[in-house]
Amino acid sequence: MKTLKIKKVSFPVAKKYLLQSKFRNQAVHVKETVRKIILNVKKNGDKALIKISNKIDKTEFKTVTEASFNKSDLKKNYEKLDNAIKKNLNFIKKRIINFHKAIKTSDLKTKDGIFNLLGQIHKPIDRIGLYAPGGKAVYPSSILMTALVARVAGSKEINLFFPSSSEKAKTLMLGTAHLAGITNAYNFGGAHAIAAMAYGTESISKSDKIFGPGNNYVAEAKRQVFGDVGIDSFAGPSEVLIISDKKKGFEQLAADLIAQAEHGEDSKCIFIQIGKGGLGDLFKELERQVTEAPRGKTIKTALEKNSMFIQVKNLEEAIEINNLVGPEHLQIIYKNFKESLLKRFIAGAIFVGENNTAVLGDYAAGPSHVIPTNSAARFSSPVSIEDFLVRTSVTEIKSIKNKAKYNELLDHSIFLAELEGLHGHAYALKLRRK
């Protein structure tokens, strides 16, 4: 393999580059392609879904039924799995369920001198659409990381979509779907799958909310259907940013970069070296591991095309660069790192310590690995039980025990209604004065 052509830049250059948003702009052709796909599926339903799948994914479906799997089908595929796979999936399942059951989402019920009940109640979202990515690999872990959380929340219907793949891979995905409590599974991927979830077709029910990571086209499709349907976050191609003050011993950190790069050629890897030295040894280690990696070509492209290696003077500069990126995964390897600093970092998920890694978060840590990418960590969060619930505010007045307080509440509301010119509002309130 030829020598890696890696971008090594200084703090000022990296800062200027990131401020111009060059690292996260979405290609115009992706937006337009996705727009056309969504309109086609929305208008033509099953017919469009089959035609697009056969063209893009090289499938040979004649009907949606051929790509559909019910609970009985899922169970049969689970029974085909090796015992070692079943044991592993059940171990991961237990950790995910335990973590999300520990998250408190209790209803709020209080009262004051006017209202007998004043608060909020939670209820599960009924119909969930899940996307599990494919492409360079299959991801049964993505099924567990979303479907199990939906089950903990109490969602009634969970429909899974995943791209076409080999029979062996399909068995793994469908078997995992059974373990995760999926209602129906569909062998469709890409923007057309997102469109089918968002708007429904003759054979596929419309989802209330869509979850799951994917490539640029999937992320853009979720962005475009948002508002017609709920979405978890804009989870696109994988990202990792590593902050390190190590000066030697880069085998693990090189492996962590490669672990994200192997997801696909559009994966993003950023390494921030604090202080002088270190990057040369890291580059040598990357060269060695990329040469030996089964997906070396994909990794090489990701590291050369979408990655950046930055030398900074101190942790403050590292934090500034990190917060311009707002990465999906942030790893921090820094001597005597203080937990009190964590809230200064913008990131979807943070992994602190040399023995920790984003890869553990991909599988067995417990929190969902469906994490916002493309700087969306600034305003959104990793998938959790709260994302599968809706909050409803509730008030109740049974009887008026304190007329003075009740009338005071009405008078203030009447004043504001009239100030806004909404006299119908004011009149409805005036009728209730005691």
Foldseek 3Di string as FASTA:
>chain_A
DDAFDFAEDALVVLLVCLVVVPQFDDDPVLLVVLVVLLVCCLPPPFVSQQVVLCVPVVDDDPGQVVFKDFLVRLQVLLVVDDPVLVVQLVQLLVLQLVVQLPDDDQWDWDDDQFFPTWTKDKAFFAFEEEEWEQDLHGALLQLSLPLQLSVSLPHHAYEYEYADDDPVSVSSNSNSCSVSVHGMYGHGDFSNSLSCQLNNGPPGDHGQEYEDEYASRNLSSQVVSPPSHHYAASHHQAEEEEEAQDQDDCLLVLVQLLVSQLVFLQYEYEYEYADDHDPVRSSVNNVVVLVVDPSSVSSSNNSRPNYYYYYYHDVVSVQSSQLSFLAAEYEYHDPPDDPVCVVSHRYQYYWYHPVTGVVCVSTRNHNRSRTHHSNRSVPHYGDGSVVRMDMDIDTHGDDNPDLVVLVVVLVVQLVVCVVVVNVVSNVVSVVPRD
